[in-house]
Amino acid sequence: MTKQATTLIVFFNLKDGVSESDYLHWAQNIDLPTVNALNSVASFDVYKGLSILGQDTPSPYQYFEVINLKSEAAFLDDIQSEVMTKVIEQFQAFTKDASFISTQNIAA
């Protein structure tokens, strides 16, 4: 039996030439409210990577998304919608090197 993800963690950088302020405006006004409105999502937050803890070294990724899912199967269905297809296309226009990691809380 395949384990179902409970949290999706996404690591990514912005593409060269992408304005950070344009990305942040889109994330705050389109991405966050749209994904948080999905029935399959318990919560969705975006974090800016700053540095490696205790070092003067920048984070290897500029941004991290944490999507807590109610249901992985329902989420996979939700992202097939016309609205989410557009959001995903917009996300891809802003980002490069995106890794979508399916995770499960070991204490749950």
PDB file of N, CA and C in Angstrom:
ATOM      1  N   MET A   1       0.841  -1.186   0.000  1.00  0.00           N
ATOM      2  CA  MET A   1       0.000   0.000   0.000  1.00  0.00           C
ATOM      3  C   MET A   1       0.885   1.248   0.000  1.00  0.00           C
ATOM      4  N   THR A   2       0.601   2.168  -0.892  1.00  0.00           N
ATOM      5  CA  THR A   2       1.355   3.405  -0.976  1.00  0.00           C
ATOM      6  C   THR A   2       0.880   4.369   0.107  1.00  0.00           C
ATOM      7  N   LYS A   3       1.828   4.961   0.802  1.00  0.00           N
ATOM      8  CA  LYS A   3       1.477   5.932   1.837  1.00  0.00           C
ATOM      9  C   LYS A   3       1.013   7.223   1.168  1.00  0.00           C
ATOM     10  N   GLN A   4       0.049   7.861   1.766  1.00  0.00           N
ATOM     11  CA  GLN A   4      -0.474   9.121   1.260  1.00  0.00           C
ATOM     12  C   GLN A   4       0.263  10.280   1.933  1.00  0.00           C
ATOM     13  N   ALA A   5       0.621  11.260   1.139  1.00  0.00           N
ATOM     14  CA  ALA A   5       1.286  12.442   1.680  1.00  0.00           C
ATOM     15  C   ALA A   5       0.308  13.241   2.524  1.00  0.00           C
ATOM     16  N   THR A   6       0.807  13.779   3.604  1.00  0.00           N
ATOM     17  CA  THR A   6       0.001  14.685   4.407  1.00  0.00           C
ATOM     18  C   THR A   6       0.477  16.124   4.250  1.00  0.00           C
ATOM     19  N   THR A   7       1.722  16.288   3.852  1.00  0.00           N
ATOM     20  CA  THR A   7       2.277  17.621   3.635  1.00  0.00           C
ATOM     21  C   THR A   7       3.145  17.601   2.390  1.00  0.00           C
ATOM     22  N   LEU A   8       2.962  18.611   1.572  1.00  0.00           N
ATOM     23  CA  LEU A   8       3.778  18.793   0.384  1.00  0.00           C
ATOM     24  C   LEU A   8       4.700  19.977   0.657  1.00  0.00           C
ATOM     25  N   ILE A   9       6.006  19.775   0.497  1.00  0.00           N
ATOM     26  CA  ILE A   9       6.980  20.846   0.693  1.00  0.00           C
ATOM     27  C   ILE A   9       7.634  21.113  -0.658  1.00  0.00           C
ATOM     28  N   VAL A  10       7.603  22.376  -1.067  1.00  0.00           N
ATOM     29  CA  VAL A  10       8.107  22.763  -2.382  1.00  0.00           C
ATOM     30  C   VAL A  10       9.277  23.722  -2.189  1.00  0.00           C
ATOM     31  N   PHE A  11      10.410  23.395  -2.795  1.00  0.00           N
ATOM     32  CA  PHE A  11      11.612  24.230  -2.758  1.00  0.00           C
ATOM     33  C   PHE A  11      11.771  24.827  -4.154  1.00  0.00           C
ATOM     34  N   PHE A  12      12.048  26.128  -4.255  1.00  0.00           N
ATOM     35  CA  PHE A  12      12.246  26.696  -5.593  1.00  0.00           C
ATOM     36  C   PHE A  12      12.974  28.029  -5.546  1.00  0.00           C
ATOM     37  N   ASN A  13      13.479  28.396  -6.721  1.00  0.00           N
ATOM     38  CA  ASN A  13      14.094  29.692  -6.955  1.00  0.00           C
ATOM     39  C   ASN A  13      13.298  30.402  -8.036  1.00  0.00           C
ATOM     40  N   LEU A  14      13.447  31.715  -8.091  1.00  0.00           N
ATOM     41  CA  LEU A  14      12.831  32.478  -9.166  1.00  0.00           C
ATOM     42  C   LEU A  14      13.718  32.406 -10.403  1.00  0.00           C
ATOM     43  N   LYS A  15      13.084  32.415 -11.565  1.00  0.00           N
ATOM     44  CA  LYS A  15      13.835  32.418 -12.818  1.00  0.00           C
ATOM     45  C   LYS A  15      14.625  33.715 -12.930  1.00  0.00           C
ATOM     46  N   ASP A  16      15.738  33.652 -13.641  1.00  0.00           N
ATOM     47  CA  ASP A  16      16.516  34.853 -13.917  1.00  0.00           C
ATOM     48  C   ASP A  16      15.616  35.860 -14.628  1.00  0.00           C
ATOM     49  N   GLY A  17      15.686  37.101 -14.205  1.00  0.00           N
ATOM     50  CA  GLY A  17      14.902  38.154 -14.832  1.00  0.00           C
ATOM     51  C   GLY A  17      13.510  38.344 -14.243  1.00  0.00           C
ATOM     52  N   VAL A  18      13.085  37.447 -13.356  1.00  0.00           N
ATOM     53  CA  VAL A  18      11.772  37.591 -12.720  1.00  0.00           C
ATOM     54  C   VAL A  18      11.891  38.595 -11.575  1.00  0.00           C
ATOM     55  N   SER A  19      10.992  39.545 -11.552  1.00  0.00           N
ATOM     56  CA  SER A  19      10.953  40.537 -10.481  1.00  0.00           C
ATOM     57  C   SER A  19      10.410  39.889  -9.207  1.00  0.00           C
ATOM     58  N   GLU A  20      11.181  40.000  -8.125  1.00  0.00           N
ATOM     59  CA  GLU A  20      10.719  39.435  -6.860  1.00  0.00           C
ATOM     60  C   GLU A  20       9.416  40.096  -6.416  1.00  0.00           C
ATOM     61  N   SER A  21       9.282  41.397  -6.623  1.00  0.00           N
ATOM     62  CA  SER A  21       8.044  42.074  -6.218  1.00  0.00           C
ATOM     63  C   SER A  21       6.855  41.582  -7.040  1.00  0.00           C
ATOM     64  N   ASP A  22       7.055  41.282  -8.327  1.00  0.00           N
ATOM     65  CA  ASP A  22       5.970  40.713  -9.144  1.00  0.00           C
ATOM     66  C   ASP A  22       5.577  39.336  -8.619  1.00  0.00           C
ATOM     67  N   TYR A  23       6.576  38.511  -8.290  1.00  0.00           N
ATOM     68  CA  TYR A  23       6.282  37.183  -7.748  1.00  0.00           C
ATOM     69  C   TYR A  23       5.514  37.306  -6.435  1.00  0.00           C
ATOM     70  N   LEU A  24       5.989  38.154  -5.523  1.00  0.00           N
ATOM     71  CA  LEU A  24       5.344  38.294  -4.216  1.00  0.00           C
ATOM     72  C   LEU A  24       3.905  38.790  -4.354  1.00  0.00           C
ATOM     73  N   HIS A  25       3.679  39.729  -5.257  1.00  0.00           N
ATOM     74  CA  HIS A  25       2.318  40.225  -5.496  1.00  0.00           C
ATOM     75  C   HIS A  25       1.431  39.086  -5.984  1.00  0.00           C
ATOM     76  N   TRP A  26       1.917  38.309  -6.937  1.00  0.00           N
ATOM     77  CA  TRP A  26       1.154  37.166  -7.454  1.00  0.00           C
ATOM     78  C   TRP A  26       0.912  36.133  -6.347  1.00  0.00           C
ATOM     79  N   ALA A  27       1.955  35.806  -5.587  1.00  0.00           N
ATOM     80  CA  ALA A  27       1.824  34.793  -4.535  1.00  0.00           C
ATOM     81  C   ALA A  27       0.783  35.214  -3.500  1.00  0.00           C
ATOM     82  N   GLN A  28       0.825  36.478  -3.086  1.00  0.00           N
ATOM     83  CA  GLN A  28      -0.079  36.946  -2.039  1.00  0.00           C
ATOM     84  C   GLN A  28      -1.513  37.138  -2.529  1.00  0.00           C
ATOM     85  N   ASN A  29      -1.681  37.473  -3.797  1.00  0.00           N
ATOM     86  CA  ASN A  29      -3.010  37.799  -4.308  1.00  0.00           C
ATOM     87  C   ASN A  29      -3.672  36.706  -5.135  1.00  0.00           C
ATOM     88  N   ILE A  30      -2.893  35.776  -5.662  1.00  0.00           N
ATOM     89  CA  ILE A  30      -3.439  34.706  -6.498  1.00  0.00           C
ATOM     90  C   ILE A  30      -3.156  33.332  -5.890  1.00  0.00           C
ATOM     91  N   ASP A  31      -1.883  33.013  -5.730  1.00  0.00           N
ATOM     92  CA  ASP A  31      -1.484  31.663  -5.329  1.00  0.00           C
ATOM     93  C   ASP A  31      -2.011  31.285  -3.943  1.00  0.00           C
ATOM     94  N   LEU A  32      -1.671  32.066  -2.935  1.00  0.00           N
ATOM     95  CA  LEU A  32      -2.081  31.730  -1.563  1.00  0.00           C
ATOM     96  C   LEU A  32      -3.602  31.634  -1.405  1.00  0.00           C
ATOM     97  N   PRO A  33      -4.380  32.634  -1.844  1.00  0.00           N
ATOM     98  CA  PRO A  33      -5.824  32.509  -1.647  1.00  0.00           C
ATOM     99  C   PRO A  33      -6.457  31.376  -2.458  1.00  0.00           C
ATOM    100  N   THR A  34      -5.953  31.134  -3.660  1.00  0.00           N
ATOM    101  CA  THR A  34      -6.535  30.085  -4.506  1.00  0.00           C
ATOM    102  C   THR A  34      -6.268  28.709  -3.925  1.00  0.00           C
ATOM    103  N   VAL A  35      -5.021  28.440  -3.554  1.00  0.00           N
ATOM    104  CA  VAL A  35      -4.676  27.120  -3.019  1.00  0.00           C
ATOM    105  C   VAL A  35      -5.321  26.915  -1.649  1.00  0.00           C
ATOM    106  N   ASN A  36      -5.330  27.942  -0.815  1.00  0.00           N
ATOM    107  CA  ASN A  36      -5.964  27.810   0.503  1.00  0.00           C
ATOM    108  C   ASN A  36      -7.470  27.566   0.402  1.00  0.00           C
ATOM    109  N   ALA A  37      -8.087  27.940  -0.710  1.00  0.00           N
ATOM    110  CA  ALA A  37      -9.526  27.734  -0.899  1.00  0.00           C
ATOM    111  C   ALA A  37      -9.869  26.318  -1.362  1.00  0.00           C
ATOM    112  N   LEU A  38      -8.865  25.529  -1.750  1.00  0.00           N
ATOM    113  CA  LEU A  38      -9.134  24.166  -2.211  1.00  0.00           C
ATOM    114  C   LEU A  38      -9.653  23.313  -1.056  1.00  0.00           C
ATOM    115  N   ASN A  39     -10.663  22.505  -1.321  1.00  0.00           N
ATOM    116  CA  ASN A  39     -11.228  21.630  -0.288  1.00  0.00           C
ATOM    117  C   ASN A  39     -10.218  20.620   0.234  1.00  0.00           C
ATOM    118  N   SER A  40      -9.231  20.274  -0.581  1.00  0.00           N
ATOM    119  CA  SER A  40      -8.239  19.259  -0.206  1.00  0.00           C
ATOM    120  C   SER A  40      -7.093  19.810   0.630  1.00  0.00           C
ATOM    121  N   VAL A  41      -7.049  21.129   0.823  1.00  0.00           N
ATOM    122  CA  VAL A  41      -5.924  21.774   1.508  1.00  0.00           C
ATOM    123  C   VAL A  41      -6.354  22.271   2.885  1.00  0.00           C
ATOM    124  N   ALA A  42      -5.604  21.856   3.914  1.00  0.00           N
ATOM    125  CA  ALA A  42      -5.841  22.337   5.279  1.00  0.00           C
ATOM    126  C   ALA A  42      -5.201  23.705   5.477  1.00  0.00           C
ATOM    127  N   SER A  43      -3.991  23.885   4.938  1.00  0.00           N
ATOM    128  CA  SER A  43      -3.305  25.178   5.019  1.00  0.00           C
ATOM    129  C   SER A  43      -2.197  25.228   3.983  1.00  0.00           C
ATOM    130  N   PHE A  44      -1.864  26.443   3.576  1.00  0.00           N
ATOM    131  CA  PHE A  44      -0.819  26.662   2.579  1.00  0.00           C
ATOM    132  C   PHE A  44      -0.095  27.944   2.946  1.00  0.00           C
ATOM    133  N   ASP A  45       1.218  27.850   3.112  1.00  0.00           N
ATOM    134  CA  ASP A  45       2.045  29.008   3.442  1.00  0.00           C
ATOM    135  C   ASP A  45       3.272  29.023   2.546  1.00  0.00           C
ATOM    136  N   VAL A  46       3.784  30.221   2.301  1.00  0.00           N
ATOM    137  CA  VAL A  46       5.009  30.395   1.521  1.00  0.00           C
ATOM    138  C   VAL A  46       6.024  31.109   2.410  1.00  0.00           C
ATOM    139  N   TYR A  47       7.256  30.609   2.395  1.00  0.00           N
ATOM    140  CA  TYR A  47       8.339  31.158   3.214  1.00  0.00           C
ATOM    141  C   TYR A  47       9.498  31.582   2.330  1.00  0.00           C
ATOM    142  N   LYS A  48      10.143  32.689   2.695  1.00  0.00           N
ATOM    143  CA  LYS A  48      11.341  33.141   1.988  1.00  0.00           C
ATOM    144  C   LYS A  48      12.557  32.565   2.695  1.00  0.00           C
ATOM    145  N   GLY A  49      13.414  31.893   1.940  1.00  0.00           N
ATOM    146  CA  GLY A  49      14.656  31.379   2.500  1.00  0.00           C
ATOM    147  C   GLY A  49      15.623  32.526   2.754  1.00  0.00           C
ATOM    148  N   LEU A  50      16.243  32.537   3.914  1.00  0.00           N
ATOM    149  CA  LEU A  50      17.167  33.611   4.265  1.00  0.00           C
ATOM    150  C   LEU A  50      18.615  33.146   4.219  1.00  0.00           C
ATOM    151  N   SER A  51      18.943  32.207   5.101  1.00  0.00           N
ATOM    152  CA  SER A  51      20.331  31.756   5.185  1.00  0.00           C
ATOM    153  C   SER A  51      20.377  30.367   5.804  1.00  0.00           C
ATOM    154  N   ILE A  52      21.574  29.775   5.770  1.00  0.00           N
ATOM    155  CA  ILE A  52      21.813  28.526   6.483  1.00  0.00           C
ATOM    156  C   ILE A  52      21.985  28.901   7.954  1.00  0.00           C
ATOM    157  N   LEU A  53      21.269  28.243   8.840  1.00  0.00           N
ATOM    158  CA  LEU A  53      21.276  28.577  10.261  1.00  0.00           C
ATOM    159  C   LEU A  53      22.697  28.603  10.815  1.00  0.00           C
ATOM    160  N   GLY A  54      23.029  29.718  11.471  1.00  0.00           N
ATOM    161  CA  GLY A  54      24.322  29.858  12.124  1.00  0.00           C
ATOM    162  C   GLY A  54      25.470  30.155  11.182  1.00  0.00           C
ATOM    163  N   GLN A  55      25.166  30.370   9.911  1.00  0.00           N
ATOM    164  CA  GLN A  55      26.213  30.650   8.928  1.00  0.00           C
ATOM    165  C   GLN A  55      25.854  31.906   8.145  1.00  0.00           C
ATOM    166  N   ASP A  56      26.864  32.491   7.556  1.00  0.00           N
ATOM    167  CA  ASP A  56      26.650  33.646   6.691  1.00  0.00           C
ATOM    168  C   ASP A  56      26.560  33.163   5.244  1.00  0.00           C
ATOM    169  N   THR A  57      25.764  32.115   5.043  1.00  0.00           N
ATOM    170  CA  THR A  57      25.613  31.492   3.732  1.00  0.00           C
ATOM    171  C   THR A  57      24.153  31.601   3.320  1.00  0.00           C
ATOM    172  N   PRO A  58      23.882  32.118   2.122  1.00  0.00           N
ATOM    173  CA  PRO A  58      22.486  32.231   1.704  1.00  0.00           C
ATOM    174  C   PRO A  58      21.821  30.867   1.543  1.00  0.00           C
ATOM    175  N   SER A  59      20.518  30.854   1.709  1.00  0.00           N
ATOM    176  CA  SER A  59      19.741  29.635   1.485  1.00  0.00           C
ATOM    177  C   SER A  59      19.923  29.186   0.036  1.00  0.00           C
ATOM    178  N   PRO A  60      20.037  27.881  -0.204  1.00  0.00           N
ATOM    179  CA  PRO A  60      20.156  27.407  -1.584  1.00  0.00           C
ATOM    180  C   PRO A  60      18.853  27.587  -2.365  1.00  0.00           C
ATOM    181  N   TYR A  61      17.755  27.811  -1.659  1.00  0.00           N
ATOM    182  CA  TYR A  61      16.465  28.066  -2.303  1.00  0.00           C
ATOM    183  C   TYR A  61      15.925  29.401  -1.813  1.00  0.00           C
ATOM    184  N   GLN A  62      15.339  30.174  -2.729  1.00  0.00           N
ATOM    185  CA  GLN A  62      14.779  31.472  -2.367  1.00  0.00           C
ATOM    186  C   GLN A  62      13.453  31.343  -1.627  1.00  0.00           C
ATOM    187  N   TYR A  63      12.660  30.324  -1.989  1.00  0.00           N
ATOM    188  CA  TYR A  63      11.321  30.182  -1.407  1.00  0.00           C
ATOM    189  C   TYR A  63      10.996  28.730  -1.112  1.00  0.00           C
ATOM    190  N   PHE A  64      10.103  28.558  -0.128  1.00  0.00           N
ATOM    191  CA  PHE A  64       9.609  27.245   0.286  1.00  0.00           C
ATOM    192  C   PHE A  64       8.097  27.352   0.454  1.00  0.00           C
ATOM    193  N   GLU A  65       7.381  26.394  -0.079  1.00  0.00           N
ATOM    194  CA  GLU A  65       5.943  26.312   0.148  1.00  0.00           C
ATOM    195  C   GLU A  65       5.672  25.100   1.027  1.00  0.00           C
ATOM    196  N   VAL A  66       4.743  25.255   1.960  1.00  0.00           N
ATOM    197  CA  VAL A  66       4.318  24.143   2.805  1.00  0.00           C
ATOM    198  C   VAL A  66       2.804  24.028   2.643  1.00  0.00           C
ATOM    199  N   ILE A  67       2.381  22.915   2.040  1.00  0.00           N
ATOM    200  CA  ILE A  67       0.963  22.679   1.782  1.00  0.00           C
ATOM    201  C   ILE A  67       0.522  21.486   2.627  1.00  0.00           C
ATOM    202  N   ASN A  68      -0.278  21.747   3.647  1.00  0.00           N
ATOM    203  CA  ASN A  68      -0.823  20.679   4.487  1.00  0.00           C
ATOM    204  C   ASN A  68      -2.116  20.190   3.845  1.00  0.00           C
ATOM    205  N   LEU A  69      -2.121  18.911   3.516  1.00  0.00           N
ATOM    206  CA  LEU A  69      -3.230  18.329   2.768  1.00  0.00           C
ATOM    207  C   LEU A  69      -4.221  17.620   3.676  1.00  0.00           C
ATOM    208  N   LYS A  70      -5.488  17.723   3.328  1.00  0.00           N
ATOM    209  CA  LYS A  70      -6.523  16.896   3.948  1.00  0.00           C
ATOM    210  C   LYS A  70      -6.536  15.531   3.275  1.00  0.00           C
ATOM    211  N   SER A  71      -6.270  15.539   1.961  1.00  0.00           N
ATOM    212  CA  SER A  71      -6.274  14.309   1.177  1.00  0.00           C
ATOM    213  C   SER A  71      -5.389  14.490  -0.048  1.00  0.00           C
ATOM    214  N   GLU A  72      -4.385  13.623  -0.182  1.00  0.00           N
ATOM    215  CA  GLU A  72      -3.518  13.689  -1.356  1.00  0.00           C
ATOM    216  C   GLU A  72      -4.316  13.398  -2.624  1.00  0.00           C
ATOM    217  N   ALA A  73      -5.171  12.393  -2.580  1.00  0.00           N
ATOM    218  CA  ALA A  73      -5.963  12.028  -3.764  1.00  0.00           C
ATOM    219  C   ALA A  73      -6.872  13.184  -4.182  1.00  0.00           C
ATOM    220  N   ALA A  74      -7.519  13.821  -3.213  1.00  0.00           N
ATOM    221  CA  ALA A  74      -8.392  14.957  -3.525  1.00  0.00           C
ATOM    222  C   ALA A  74      -7.584  16.132  -4.067  1.00  0.00           C
ATOM    223  N   PHE A  75      -6.388  16.349  -3.527  1.00  0.00           N
ATOM    224  CA  PHE A  75      -5.525  17.425  -4.022  1.00  0.00           C
ATOM    225  C   PHE A  75      -5.148  17.181  -5.481  1.00  0.00           C
ATOM    226  N   LEU A  76      -4.787  15.944  -5.796  1.00  0.00           N
ATOM    227  CA  LEU A  76      -4.436  15.617  -7.178  1.00  0.00           C
ATOM    228  C   LEU A  76      -5.617  15.861  -8.110  1.00  0.00           C
ATOM    229  N   ASP A  77      -6.827  15.647  -7.634  1.00  0.00           N
ATOM    230  CA  ASP A  77      -8.021  15.974  -8.425  1.00  0.00           C
ATOM    231  C   ASP A  77      -8.202  17.482  -8.525  1.00  0.00           C
ATOM    232  N   ASP A  78      -8.060  18.189  -7.396  1.00  0.00           N
ATOM    233  CA  ASP A  78      -8.251  19.644  -7.367  1.00  0.00           C
ATOM    234  C   ASP A  78      -7.325  20.375  -8.331  1.00  0.00           C
ATOM    235  N   ILE A  79      -6.089  19.926  -8.454  1.00  0.00           N
ATOM    236  CA  ILE A  79      -5.138  20.662  -9.298  1.00  0.00           C
ATOM    237  C   ILE A  79      -5.384  20.443 -10.787  1.00  0.00           C
ATOM    238  N   GLN A  80      -6.346  19.602 -11.122  1.00  0.00           N
ATOM    239  CA  GLN A  80      -6.717  19.406 -12.525  1.00  0.00           C
ATOM    240  C   GLN A  80      -7.745  20.437 -12.991  1.00  0.00           C
ATOM    241  N   SER A  81      -8.285  21.228 -12.071  1.00  0.00           N
ATOM    242  CA  SER A  81      -9.313  22.209 -12.436  1.00  0.00           C
ATOM    243  C   SER A  81      -8.726  23.286 -13.342  1.00  0.00           C
ATOM    244  N   GLU A  82      -9.604  23.968 -14.066  1.00  0.00           N
ATOM    245  CA  GLU A  82      -9.173  25.033 -14.972  1.00  0.00           C
ATOM    246  C   GLU A  82      -8.452  26.145 -14.211  1.00  0.00           C
ATOM    247  N   VAL A  83      -8.997  26.523 -13.059  1.00  0.00           N
ATOM    248  CA  VAL A  83      -8.388  27.587 -12.251  1.00  0.00           C
ATOM    249  C   VAL A  83      -6.991  27.181 -11.800  1.00  0.00           C
ATOM    250  N   MET A  84      -6.854  25.972 -11.269  1.00  0.00           N
ATOM    251  CA  MET A  84      -5.548  25.530 -10.778  1.00  0.00           C
ATOM    252  C   MET A  84      -4.563  25.300 -11.917  1.00  0.00           C
ATOM    253  N   THR A  85      -5.035  24.881 -13.072  1.00  0.00           N
ATOM    254  CA  THR A  85      -4.147  24.734 -14.225  1.00  0.00           C
ATOM    255  C   THR A  85      -3.513  26.079 -14.564  1.00  0.00           C
ATOM    256  N   LYS A  86      -4.301  27.153 -14.503  1.00  0.00           N
ATOM    257  CA  LYS A  86      -3.772  28.504 -14.767  1.00  0.00           C
ATOM    258  C   LYS A  86      -2.776  28.925 -13.687  1.00  0.00           C
ATOM    259  N   VAL A  87      -3.097  28.634 -12.423  1.00  0.00           N
ATOM    260  CA  VAL A  87      -2.195  28.987 -11.318  1.00  0.00           C
ATOM    261  C   VAL A  87      -0.870  28.241 -11.469  1.00  0.00           C
ATOM    262  N   ILE A  88      -0.933  26.979 -11.828  1.00  0.00           N
ATOM    263  CA  ILE A  88       0.287  26.181 -12.023  1.00  0.00           C
ATOM    264  C   ILE A  88       1.115  26.743 -13.175  1.00  0.00           C
ATOM    265  N   GLU A  89       0.473  27.132 -14.266  1.00  0.00           N
ATOM    266  CA  GLU A  89       1.193  27.740 -15.395  1.00  0.00           C
ATOM    267  C   GLU A  89       1.868  29.037 -14.967  1.00  0.00           C
ATOM    268  N   GLN A  90       1.167  29.845 -14.176  1.00  0.00           N
ATOM    269  CA  GLN A  90       1.746  31.095 -13.685  1.00  0.00           C
ATOM    270  C   GLN A  90       2.931  30.813 -12.765  1.00  0.00           C
ATOM    271  N   PHE A  91       2.784  29.836 -11.869  1.00  0.00           N
ATOM    272  CA  PHE A  91       3.875  29.439 -10.978  1.00  0.00           C
ATOM    273  C   PHE A  91       5.104  29.054 -11.797  1.00  0.00           C
ATOM    274  N   GLN A  92       4.903  28.264 -12.833  1.00  0.00           N
ATOM    275  CA  GLN A  92       6.014  27.810 -13.670  1.00  0.00           C
ATOM    276  C   GLN A  92       6.670  28.963 -14.421  1.00  0.00           C
ATOM    277  N   ALA A  93       5.921  30.020 -14.721  1.00  0.00           N
ATOM    278  CA  ALA A  93       6.495  31.185 -15.397  1.00  0.00           C
ATOM    279  C   ALA A  93       7.432  31.960 -14.468  1.00  0.00           C
ATOM    280  N   PHE A  94       7.180  31.900 -13.166  1.00  0.00           N
ATOM    281  CA  PHE A  94       8.006  32.602 -12.186  1.00  0.00           C
ATOM    282  C   PHE A  94       9.207  31.790 -11.713  1.00  0.00           C
ATOM    283  N   THR A  95       9.095  30.475 -11.697  1.00  0.00           N
ATOM    284  CA  THR A  95      10.042  29.658 -10.939  1.00  0.00           C
ATOM    285  C   THR A  95      10.903  28.734 -11.784  1.00  0.00           C
ATOM    286  N   LYS A  96      12.014  28.328 -11.173  1.00  0.00           N
ATOM    287  CA  LYS A  96      12.888  27.302 -11.748  1.00  0.00           C
ATOM    288  C   LYS A  96      13.326  26.391 -10.606  1.00  0.00           C
ATOM    289  N   ASP A  97      13.821  25.238 -10.972  1.00  0.00           N
ATOM    290  CA  ASP A  97      14.372  24.297  -9.984  1.00  0.00           C
ATOM    291  C   ASP A  97      13.365  23.900  -8.906  1.00  0.00           C
ATOM    292  N   ALA A  98      12.076  23.871  -9.225  1.00  0.00           N
ATOM    293  CA  ALA A  98      11.073  23.520  -8.216  1.00  0.00           C
ATOM    294  C   ALA A  98      11.090  22.020  -7.956  1.00  0.00           C
ATOM    295  N   SER A  99      11.150  21.670  -6.672  1.00  0.00           N
ATOM    296  CA  SER A  99      11.065  20.272  -6.242  1.00  0.00           C
ATOM    297  C   SER A  99       9.861  20.141  -5.326  1.00  0.00           C
ATOM    298  N   PHE A 100       8.956  19.234  -5.669  1.00  0.00           N
ATOM    299  CA  PHE A 100       7.746  18.985  -4.891  1.00  0.00           C
ATOM    300  C   PHE A 100       7.964  17.699  -4.095  1.00  0.00           C
ATOM    301  N   ILE A 101       8.123  17.825  -2.791  1.00  0.00           N
ATOM    302  CA  ILE A 101       8.442  16.689  -1.938  1.00  0.00           C
ATOM    303  C   ILE A 101       7.193  16.282  -1.152  1.00  0.00           C
ATOM    304  N   SER A 102       6.737  15.057  -1.368  1.00  0.00           N
ATOM    305  CA  SER A 102       5.627  14.506  -0.593  1.00  0.00           C
ATOM    306  C   SER A 102       6.180  14.024   0.737  1.00  0.00           C
ATOM    307  N   THR A 103       5.556  14.454   1.829  1.00  0.00           N
ATOM    308  CA  THR A 103       6.050  14.080   3.154  1.00  0.00           C
ATOM    309  C   THR A 103       4.911  13.585   4.030  1.00  0.00           C
ATOM    310  N   GLN A 104       5.302  12.956   5.119  1.00  0.00           N
ATOM    311  CA  GLN A 104       4.347  12.488   6.112  1.00  0.00           C
ATOM    312  C   GLN A 104       4.970  12.707   7.485  1.00  0.00           C
ATOM    313  N   ASN A 105       4.229  13.292   8.392  1.00  0.00           N
ATOM    314  CA  ASN A 105       4.701  13.560   9.743  1.00  0.00           C
ATOM    315  C   ASN A 105       4.957  12.236  10.460  1.00  0.00           C
ATOM    316  N   ILE A 106       6.168  12.040  10.973  1.00  0.00           N
ATOM    317  CA  ILE A 106       6.510  10.769  11.618  1.00  0.00           C
ATOM    318  C   ILE A 106       5.859  10.619  12.990  1.00  0.00           C
ATOM    319  N   ALA A 107       5.367  11.724  13.558  1.00  0.00           N
ATOM    320  CA  ALA A 107       4.728  11.665  14.868  1.00  0.00           C
ATOM    321  C   ALA A 107       3.210  11.506  14.768  1.00  0.00           C
ATOM    322  N   ALA A 108       2.701  11.567  13.548  1.00  0.00           N
ATOM    323  CA  ALA A 108       1.230  11.496  13.373  1.00  0.00           C
ATOM    324  C   ALA A 108       0.743  10.068  13.390  1.00  0.00           C
TER     325      ALA A 108
END
